[in-house]
Amino acid sequence: MGEKQQNEIIRWFENLNAEDVSVVGGKNASLGEMIRTLKAENIRVPDGFATTSQAYLEFLQVNGLKQKIQDLLDDLHNGEQTLEKVGKSIRKLFAGASFPEQTAQAPSDFPDFGEFLIQEGIDSISLNPDSVIETKKRIAQEEARRSKAR
């Protein structure tokens, strides 16, 4: 995938390194380092992408979760709720939340996404219903391009 980023909603592992911890978290940055190192050694490693902290914060904001989570954590710290109940409540908040339009559209709006799916042999992904048509179109375009190149 190219260096282009999708409005900092997703970042390709191959473009990540240790300096990206604040953007995608430690595990994703480490995956990026590993993938880049192994590719440099000509070891084929499937690429992928990470959602960014910006995408996560947008998700929290759009769904009004930040204060709700803080209130639940305050209840935990004050001894009013157990860790089990607070954890269950937070998971329930996330399960009932929706992705912001920009985040939900990121995979289909990213031109290299169809190419990535085909390269890696991925034939099933979970998508926002509104993005399915656009994603199928981009995958068909990439398949047609590859057929012509053969």
N, C-alpha and C. Protein backbone atom coordinates (compact mmCIF):
# COMPACT_ATOMS: atom_id res chain seq x y z
N MET A 1 0.84 -1.16 0.00
CA MET A 1 0.00 0.00 0.00
C MET A 1 0.89 1.23 0.00
N GLY A 2 0.39 2.28 -0.52
CA GLY A 2 1.17 3.51 -0.61
C GLY A 2 1.25 4.22 0.73
N GLU A 3 1.99 5.32 0.74
CA GLU A 3 2.17 6.10 1.95
C GLU A 3 0.90 6.87 2.33
N LYS A 4 -0.01 7.02 1.38
CA LYS A 4 -1.22 7.80 1.62
C LYS A 4 -2.01 7.20 2.78
N GLN A 5 -2.49 8.05 3.65
CA GLN A 5 -3.31 7.61 4.78
C GLN A 5 -4.75 8.03 4.54
N GLN A 6 -5.69 7.30 5.09
CA GLN A 6 -7.11 7.61 4.95
C GLN A 6 -7.54 8.48 6.11
N ASN A 7 -7.26 9.80 6.02
CA ASN A 7 -7.68 10.75 7.05
C ASN A 7 -7.34 10.27 8.45
N GLU A 8 -6.26 9.55 8.58
CA GLU A 8 -5.82 9.03 9.87
C GLU A 8 -6.86 8.16 10.56
N ILE A 9 -7.72 7.52 9.79
CA ILE A 9 -8.69 6.58 10.34
C ILE A 9 -8.06 5.19 10.36
N ILE A 10 -7.35 4.86 9.30
CA ILE A 10 -6.61 3.60 9.25
C ILE A 10 -5.18 3.90 8.84
N ARG A 11 -4.28 3.04 9.26
CA ARG A 11 -2.86 3.11 8.88
C ARG A 11 -2.42 1.69 8.55
N TRP A 12 -1.77 1.51 7.42
CA TRP A 12 -1.28 0.20 7.00
C TRP A 12 -0.10 -0.21 7.86
N PHE A 13 -0.06 -1.48 8.27
CA PHE A 13 1.02 -1.97 9.11
C PHE A 13 2.39 -1.70 8.48
N GLU A 14 2.50 -1.89 7.17
CA GLU A 14 3.81 -1.73 6.53
C GLU A 14 4.35 -0.31 6.65
N ASN A 15 3.50 0.64 7.00
CA ASN A 15 3.93 2.03 7.15
C ASN A 15 4.12 2.43 8.61
N LEU A 16 3.96 1.48 9.52
CA LEU A 16 4.06 1.78 10.95
C LEU A 16 5.42 1.42 11.51
N ASN A 17 5.82 2.17 12.53
CA ASN A 17 7.03 1.83 13.27
C ASN A 17 6.85 2.25 14.72
N ALA A 18 7.90 2.12 15.51
CA ALA A 18 7.82 2.38 16.94
C ALA A 18 7.39 3.81 17.26
N GLU A 19 7.62 4.73 16.35
CA GLU A 19 7.23 6.12 16.58
C GLU A 19 5.72 6.34 16.46
N ASP A 20 4.98 5.31 16.03
CA ASP A 20 3.54 5.44 15.83
C ASP A 20 2.71 4.92 17.00
N VAL A 21 3.33 4.64 18.13
CA VAL A 21 2.62 4.09 19.28
C VAL A 21 1.45 5.00 19.69
N SER A 22 1.66 6.31 19.69
CA SER A 22 0.59 7.21 20.12
C SER A 22 -0.56 7.28 19.11
N VAL A 23 -0.31 6.85 17.88
CA VAL A 23 -1.33 6.91 16.83
C VAL A 23 -2.13 5.61 16.74
N VAL A 24 -1.47 4.46 16.90
CA VAL A 24 -2.14 3.16 16.70
C VAL A 24 -1.96 2.19 17.87
N GLY A 25 -1.25 2.59 18.90
CA GLY A 25 -1.03 1.71 20.04
C GLY A 25 0.21 0.86 19.87
N GLY A 26 0.66 0.31 20.97
CA GLY A 26 1.91 -0.45 20.98
C GLY A 26 1.89 -1.73 20.18
N LYS A 27 0.82 -2.51 20.27
CA LYS A 27 0.76 -3.78 19.54
C LYS A 27 0.76 -3.56 18.03
N ASN A 28 -0.02 -2.59 17.58
CA ASN A 28 -0.07 -2.32 16.14
C ASN A 28 1.26 -1.77 15.64
N ALA A 29 1.88 -0.88 16.41
CA ALA A 29 3.18 -0.35 16.01
C ALA A 29 4.21 -1.48 15.95
N SER A 30 4.15 -2.40 16.91
CA SER A 30 5.07 -3.55 16.91
C SER A 30 4.83 -4.45 15.70
N LEU A 31 3.56 -4.66 15.35
CA LEU A 31 3.25 -5.44 14.15
C LEU A 31 3.85 -4.78 12.92
N GLY A 32 3.74 -3.46 12.85
CA GLY A 32 4.32 -2.73 11.74
C GLY A 32 5.83 -2.93 11.66
N GLU A 33 6.50 -2.81 12.79
CA GLU A 33 7.95 -3.03 12.84
C GLU A 33 8.30 -4.45 12.37
N MET A 34 7.55 -5.44 12.87
CA MET A 34 7.81 -6.83 12.51
C MET A 34 7.61 -7.05 11.01
N ILE A 35 6.50 -6.56 10.49
CA ILE A 35 6.20 -6.75 9.06
C ILE A 35 7.27 -6.09 8.20
N ARG A 36 7.65 -4.87 8.54
CA ARG A 36 8.67 -4.16 7.76
C ARG A 36 10.01 -4.91 7.81
N THR A 37 10.38 -5.40 8.98
CA THR A 37 11.65 -6.11 9.14
C THR A 37 11.64 -7.41 8.33
N LEU A 38 10.56 -8.18 8.44
CA LEU A 38 10.48 -9.45 7.73
C LEU A 38 10.41 -9.26 6.22
N LYS A 39 9.70 -8.24 5.77
CA LYS A 39 9.64 -7.97 4.33
C LYS A 39 11.02 -7.60 3.80
N ALA A 40 11.79 -6.87 4.60
CA ALA A 40 13.15 -6.51 4.20
C ALA A 40 14.04 -7.74 4.06
N GLU A 41 13.69 -8.82 4.77
CA GLU A 41 14.41 -10.09 4.69
C GLU A 41 13.80 -11.02 3.65
N ASN A 42 12.89 -10.49 2.82
CA ASN A 42 12.18 -11.24 1.79
C ASN A 42 11.32 -12.37 2.34
N ILE A 43 10.80 -12.17 3.54
CA ILE A 43 9.86 -13.12 4.13
C ILE A 43 8.47 -12.53 3.95
N ARG A 44 7.62 -13.28 3.23
CA ARG A 44 6.28 -12.76 2.94
C ARG A 44 5.42 -12.80 4.19
N VAL A 45 4.91 -11.63 4.52
CA VAL A 45 4.04 -11.50 5.68
C VAL A 45 2.79 -10.75 5.22
N PRO A 46 1.60 -11.30 5.50
CA PRO A 46 0.38 -10.58 5.11
C PRO A 46 0.32 -9.22 5.79
N ASP A 47 -0.01 -8.21 5.02
CA ASP A 47 -0.15 -6.88 5.58
C ASP A 47 -1.55 -6.73 6.15
N GLY A 48 -1.80 -5.65 6.75
CA GLY A 48 -3.11 -5.34 7.30
C GLY A 48 -3.11 -3.89 7.72
N PHE A 49 -4.14 -3.50 8.42
CA PHE A 49 -4.19 -2.11 8.86
C PHE A 49 -4.70 -2.01 10.28
N ALA A 50 -4.38 -0.90 10.89
CA ALA A 50 -4.82 -0.60 12.25
C ALA A 50 -5.75 0.60 12.20
N THR A 51 -6.75 0.58 13.04
CA THR A 51 -7.52 1.80 13.21
C THR A 51 -6.74 2.69 14.16
N THR A 52 -6.83 3.98 13.95
CA THR A 52 -6.02 4.91 14.74
C THR A 52 -6.73 5.34 16.02
N SER A 53 -5.96 5.95 16.90
CA SER A 53 -6.55 6.50 18.12
C SER A 53 -7.56 7.59 17.76
N GLN A 54 -7.32 8.31 16.66
CA GLN A 54 -8.28 9.33 16.21
C GLN A 54 -9.62 8.69 15.89
N ALA A 55 -9.60 7.54 15.21
CA ALA A 55 -10.85 6.84 14.89
C ALA A 55 -11.56 6.40 16.17
N TYR A 56 -10.80 5.92 17.13
CA TYR A 56 -11.37 5.49 18.41
C TYR A 56 -12.02 6.67 19.14
N LEU A 57 -11.30 7.79 19.19
CA LEU A 57 -11.84 8.97 19.88
C LEU A 57 -13.09 9.50 19.19
N GLU A 58 -13.11 9.47 17.86
CA GLU A 58 -14.31 9.87 17.12
C GLU A 58 -15.47 8.94 17.46
N PHE A 59 -15.18 7.65 17.53
CA PHE A 59 -16.20 6.65 17.88
C PHE A 59 -16.80 6.99 19.25
N LEU A 60 -15.94 7.29 20.22
CA LEU A 60 -16.41 7.63 21.55
C LEU A 60 -17.26 8.90 21.53
N GLN A 61 -16.78 9.91 20.81
CA GLN A 61 -17.46 11.20 20.77
C GLN A 61 -18.84 11.10 20.11
N VAL A 62 -18.89 10.49 18.93
CA VAL A 62 -20.15 10.40 18.19
C VAL A 62 -21.21 9.65 18.99
N ASN A 63 -20.78 8.68 19.77
CA ASN A 63 -21.73 7.87 20.54
C ASN A 63 -21.92 8.36 21.98
N GLY A 64 -21.26 9.47 22.32
CA GLY A 64 -21.40 10.00 23.68
C GLY A 64 -20.93 9.05 24.75
N LEU A 65 -19.88 8.27 24.45
CA LEU A 65 -19.44 7.23 25.39
C LEU A 65 -18.44 7.69 26.43
N LYS A 66 -17.68 8.73 26.12
CA LYS A 66 -16.59 9.12 27.02
C LYS A 66 -17.09 9.39 28.45
N GLN A 67 -18.12 10.22 28.59
CA GLN A 67 -18.63 10.54 29.92
C GLN A 67 -19.31 9.34 30.56
N LYS A 68 -20.01 8.55 29.76
CA LYS A 68 -20.68 7.35 30.31
C LYS A 68 -19.64 6.38 30.87
N ILE A 69 -18.55 6.19 30.15
CA ILE A 69 -17.48 5.30 30.62
C ILE A 69 -16.83 5.88 31.87
N GLN A 70 -16.59 7.20 31.85
CA GLN A 70 -15.98 7.85 33.02
C GLN A 70 -16.86 7.69 34.25
N ASP A 71 -18.18 7.85 34.07
CA ASP A 71 -19.11 7.68 35.19
C ASP A 71 -19.05 6.25 35.74
N LEU A 72 -18.98 5.27 34.84
CA LEU A 72 -18.90 3.87 35.28
C LEU A 72 -17.59 3.61 36.02
N LEU A 73 -16.49 4.17 35.52
CA LEU A 73 -15.20 3.99 36.18
C LEU A 73 -15.18 4.69 37.55
N ASP A 74 -15.84 5.84 37.63
CA ASP A 74 -15.95 6.53 38.92
C ASP A 74 -16.70 5.65 39.92
N ASP A 75 -17.80 5.01 39.46
CA ASP A 75 -18.56 4.10 40.32
C ASP A 75 -17.68 2.96 40.82
N LEU A 76 -16.81 2.45 39.93
CA LEU A 76 -15.89 1.38 40.31
C LEU A 76 -14.90 1.87 41.37
N HIS A 77 -14.28 3.01 41.11
CA HIS A 77 -13.28 3.53 42.04
C HIS A 77 -13.87 3.93 43.38
N ASN A 78 -15.15 4.32 43.38
CA ASN A 78 -15.82 4.69 44.63
C ASN A 78 -16.40 3.47 45.35
N GLY A 79 -16.23 2.29 44.77
CA GLY A 79 -16.72 1.07 45.39
C GLY A 79 -18.22 0.84 45.22
N GLU A 80 -18.85 1.63 44.33
CA GLU A 80 -20.30 1.51 44.14
C GLU A 80 -20.66 0.37 43.18
N GLN A 81 -19.72 -0.04 42.35
CA GLN A 81 -19.95 -1.12 41.38
C GLN A 81 -18.73 -2.05 41.38
N THR A 82 -18.94 -3.30 41.01
CA THR A 82 -17.83 -4.25 40.90
C THR A 82 -17.18 -4.12 39.53
N LEU A 83 -15.96 -4.60 39.43
CA LEU A 83 -15.24 -4.59 38.16
C LEU A 83 -16.03 -5.37 37.11
N GLU A 84 -16.59 -6.50 37.51
CA GLU A 84 -17.37 -7.32 36.58
C GLU A 84 -18.55 -6.54 36.00
N LYS A 85 -19.29 -5.85 36.86
CA LYS A 85 -20.46 -5.10 36.39
C LYS A 85 -20.06 -3.91 35.52
N VAL A 86 -19.01 -3.23 35.91
CA VAL A 86 -18.56 -2.07 35.12
C VAL A 86 -18.06 -2.55 33.76
N GLY A 87 -17.28 -3.62 33.74
CA GLY A 87 -16.80 -4.16 32.47
C GLY A 87 -17.95 -4.56 31.56
N LYS A 88 -18.94 -5.23 32.13
CA LYS A 88 -20.11 -5.65 31.35
C LYS A 88 -20.86 -4.43 30.81
N SER A 89 -21.00 -3.40 31.63
CA SER A 89 -21.70 -2.19 31.20
C SER A 89 -20.96 -1.47 30.07
N ILE A 90 -19.65 -1.41 30.17
CA ILE A 90 -18.85 -0.75 29.12
C ILE A 90 -18.94 -1.54 27.83
N ARG A 91 -18.84 -2.87 27.91
CA ARG A 91 -18.98 -3.70 26.71
C ARG A 91 -20.34 -3.50 26.06
N LYS A 92 -21.38 -3.37 26.88
CA LYS A 92 -22.73 -3.14 26.37
C LYS A 92 -22.81 -1.79 25.65
N LEU A 93 -22.16 -0.78 26.19
CA LEU A 93 -22.13 0.54 25.53
C LEU A 93 -21.49 0.42 24.14
N PHE A 94 -20.38 -0.27 24.06
CA PHE A 94 -19.68 -0.43 22.78
C PHE A 94 -20.52 -1.24 21.79
N ALA A 95 -21.15 -2.30 22.29
CA ALA A 95 -21.96 -3.14 21.41
C ALA A 95 -23.14 -2.39 20.82
N GLY A 96 -23.68 -1.42 21.55
CA GLY A 96 -24.83 -0.67 21.08
C GLY A 96 -24.46 0.58 20.29
N ALA A 97 -23.18 0.84 20.14
CA ALA A 97 -22.73 2.06 19.46
C ALA A 97 -22.59 1.84 17.96
N SER A 98 -22.57 2.94 17.23
CA SER A 98 -22.41 2.90 15.77
C SER A 98 -21.12 3.62 15.37
N PHE A 99 -20.53 3.16 14.28
CA PHE A 99 -19.34 3.83 13.79
C PHE A 99 -19.70 5.13 13.09
N PRO A 100 -18.91 6.19 13.30
CA PRO A 100 -19.13 7.42 12.55
C PRO A 100 -19.04 7.14 11.05
N GLU A 101 -19.74 7.90 10.24
CA GLU A 101 -19.77 7.65 8.80
C GLU A 101 -18.38 7.57 8.20
N GLN A 102 -17.50 8.51 8.57
CA GLN A 102 -16.15 8.52 7.99
C GLN A 102 -15.39 7.23 8.32
N THR A 103 -15.53 6.75 9.54
CA THR A 103 -14.84 5.53 9.95
C THR A 103 -15.44 4.31 9.24
N ALA A 104 -16.74 4.25 9.17
CA ALA A 104 -17.40 3.11 8.52
C ALA A 104 -17.08 3.05 7.03
N GLN A 105 -16.84 4.19 6.40
CA GLN A 105 -16.56 4.25 4.98
C GLN A 105 -15.08 4.06 4.67
N ALA A 106 -14.21 4.14 5.65
CA ALA A 106 -12.77 4.13 5.40
C ALA A 106 -12.29 2.98 4.52
N PRO A 107 -12.69 1.72 4.77
CA PRO A 107 -12.18 0.65 3.91
C PRO A 107 -12.57 0.80 2.45
N SER A 108 -13.81 1.16 2.16
CA SER A 108 -14.22 1.25 0.77
C SER A 108 -13.70 2.51 0.09
N ASP A 109 -13.41 3.54 0.86
CA ASP A 109 -12.89 4.77 0.28
C ASP A 109 -11.38 4.73 0.06
N PHE A 110 -10.72 3.71 0.58
CA PHE A 110 -9.27 3.61 0.46
C PHE A 110 -8.95 2.80 -0.79
N PRO A 111 -8.42 3.42 -1.82
CA PRO A 111 -8.24 2.74 -3.11
C PRO A 111 -7.43 1.45 -3.07
N ASP A 112 -6.48 1.34 -2.17
CA ASP A 112 -5.65 0.14 -2.12
C ASP A 112 -6.31 -1.02 -1.38
N PHE A 113 -7.47 -0.78 -0.79
CA PHE A 113 -8.11 -1.81 0.02
C PHE A 113 -8.50 -3.03 -0.81
N GLY A 114 -9.12 -2.81 -1.97
CA GLY A 114 -9.49 -3.93 -2.85
C GLY A 114 -8.28 -4.74 -3.27
N GLU A 115 -7.21 -4.04 -3.62
CA GLU A 115 -5.97 -4.72 -4.01
C GLU A 115 -5.45 -5.58 -2.86
N PHE A 116 -5.47 -5.02 -1.66
CA PHE A 116 -5.01 -5.75 -0.48
C PHE A 116 -5.83 -7.03 -0.27
N LEU A 117 -7.16 -6.93 -0.37
CA LEU A 117 -8.02 -8.10 -0.17
C LEU A 117 -7.69 -9.21 -1.15
N ILE A 118 -7.50 -8.83 -2.42
CA ILE A 118 -7.20 -9.82 -3.46
C ILE A 118 -5.82 -10.43 -3.24
N GLN A 119 -4.83 -9.59 -2.97
CA GLN A 119 -3.46 -10.09 -2.74
C GLN A 119 -3.42 -11.12 -1.62
N GLU A 120 -4.17 -10.86 -0.57
CA GLU A 120 -4.12 -11.73 0.60
C GLU A 120 -5.12 -12.88 0.53
N GLY A 121 -5.91 -12.93 -0.53
CA GLY A 121 -6.88 -14.01 -0.68
C GLY A 121 -8.04 -13.90 0.29
N ILE A 122 -8.33 -12.70 0.74
CA ILE A 122 -9.43 -12.49 1.68
C ILE A 122 -10.72 -12.36 0.88
N ASP A 123 -11.66 -13.23 1.14
CA ASP A 123 -12.90 -13.19 0.37
C ASP A 123 -14.12 -12.89 1.23
N SER A 124 -13.89 -12.59 2.51
CA SER A 124 -15.00 -12.27 3.38
C SER A 124 -14.55 -11.24 4.40
N ILE A 125 -15.27 -10.13 4.47
CA ILE A 125 -14.99 -9.10 5.46
C ILE A 125 -16.30 -8.55 5.98
N SER A 126 -16.23 -7.91 7.13
CA SER A 126 -17.41 -7.28 7.71
C SER A 126 -17.39 -5.80 7.34
N LEU A 127 -18.49 -5.33 6.75
CA LEU A 127 -18.58 -3.95 6.30
C LEU A 127 -19.87 -3.30 6.74
N ASN A 128 -19.83 -1.99 6.82
CA ASN A 128 -21.04 -1.21 6.99
C ASN A 128 -21.86 -1.40 5.73
N PRO A 129 -23.15 -1.68 5.82
CA PRO A 129 -23.96 -1.92 4.62
C PRO A 129 -23.87 -0.83 3.56
N ASP A 130 -23.71 0.43 3.99
CA ASP A 130 -23.63 1.52 3.02
C ASP A 130 -22.37 1.47 2.17
N SER A 131 -21.36 0.78 2.63
CA SER A 131 -20.10 0.76 1.89
C SER A 131 -19.93 -0.48 1.01
N VAL A 132 -20.85 -1.43 1.09
CA VAL A 132 -20.71 -2.69 0.36
C VAL A 132 -20.63 -2.46 -1.14
N ILE A 133 -21.51 -1.67 -1.71
CA ILE A 133 -21.52 -1.45 -3.16
C ILE A 133 -20.20 -0.86 -3.62
N GLU A 134 -19.74 0.17 -2.94
CA GLU A 134 -18.48 0.81 -3.33
C GLU A 134 -17.30 -0.15 -3.20
N THR A 135 -17.29 -0.95 -2.14
CA THR A 135 -16.21 -1.91 -1.94
C THR A 135 -16.21 -2.95 -3.05
N LYS A 136 -17.38 -3.49 -3.39
CA LYS A 136 -17.48 -4.47 -4.47
C LYS A 136 -17.00 -3.88 -5.79
N LYS A 137 -17.35 -2.63 -6.04
CA LYS A 137 -16.92 -1.96 -7.27
C LYS A 137 -15.39 -1.86 -7.33
N ARG A 138 -14.78 -1.46 -6.22
CA ARG A 138 -13.32 -1.33 -6.19
C ARG A 138 -12.63 -2.69 -6.33
N ILE A 139 -13.20 -3.72 -5.73
CA ILE A 139 -12.63 -5.06 -5.86
C ILE A 139 -12.74 -5.53 -7.31
N ALA A 140 -13.90 -5.30 -7.94
CA ALA A 140 -14.07 -5.68 -9.35
C ALA A 140 -13.08 -4.94 -10.24
N GLN A 141 -12.83 -3.66 -9.96
CA GLN A 141 -11.86 -2.89 -10.73
C GLN A 141 -10.46 -3.48 -10.59
N GLU A 142 -10.11 -3.85 -9.37
CA GLU A 142 -8.78 -4.43 -9.15
C GLU A 142 -8.66 -5.79 -9.81
N GLU A 143 -9.71 -6.61 -9.74
CA GLU A 143 -9.68 -7.91 -10.40
C GLU A 143 -9.53 -7.73 -11.92
N ALA A 144 -10.25 -6.77 -12.49
CA ALA A 144 -10.16 -6.51 -13.92
C ALA A 144 -8.76 -6.04 -14.29
N ARG A 145 -8.18 -5.17 -13.48
CA ARG A 145 -6.82 -4.68 -13.73
C ARG A 145 -5.83 -5.83 -13.72
N ARG A 146 -5.97 -6.73 -12.76
CA ARG A 146 -5.06 -7.87 -12.66
C ARG A 146 -5.25 -8.84 -13.83
N SER A 147 -6.48 -9.02 -14.28
CA SER A 147 -6.74 -9.91 -15.40
C SER A 147 -6.08 -9.38 -16.67
N LYS A 148 -6.13 -8.08 -16.88
CA LYS A 148 -5.50 -7.46 -18.05
C LYS A 148 -3.98 -7.58 -18.00
N ALA A 149 -3.43 -7.56 -16.77
CA ALA A 149 -1.97 -7.61 -16.61
C ALA A 149 -1.41 -9.00 -16.86
N ARG A 150 -2.27 -10.02 -16.85
CA ARG A 150 -1.79 -11.41 -17.02
C ARG A 150 -1.50 -11.71 -18.44
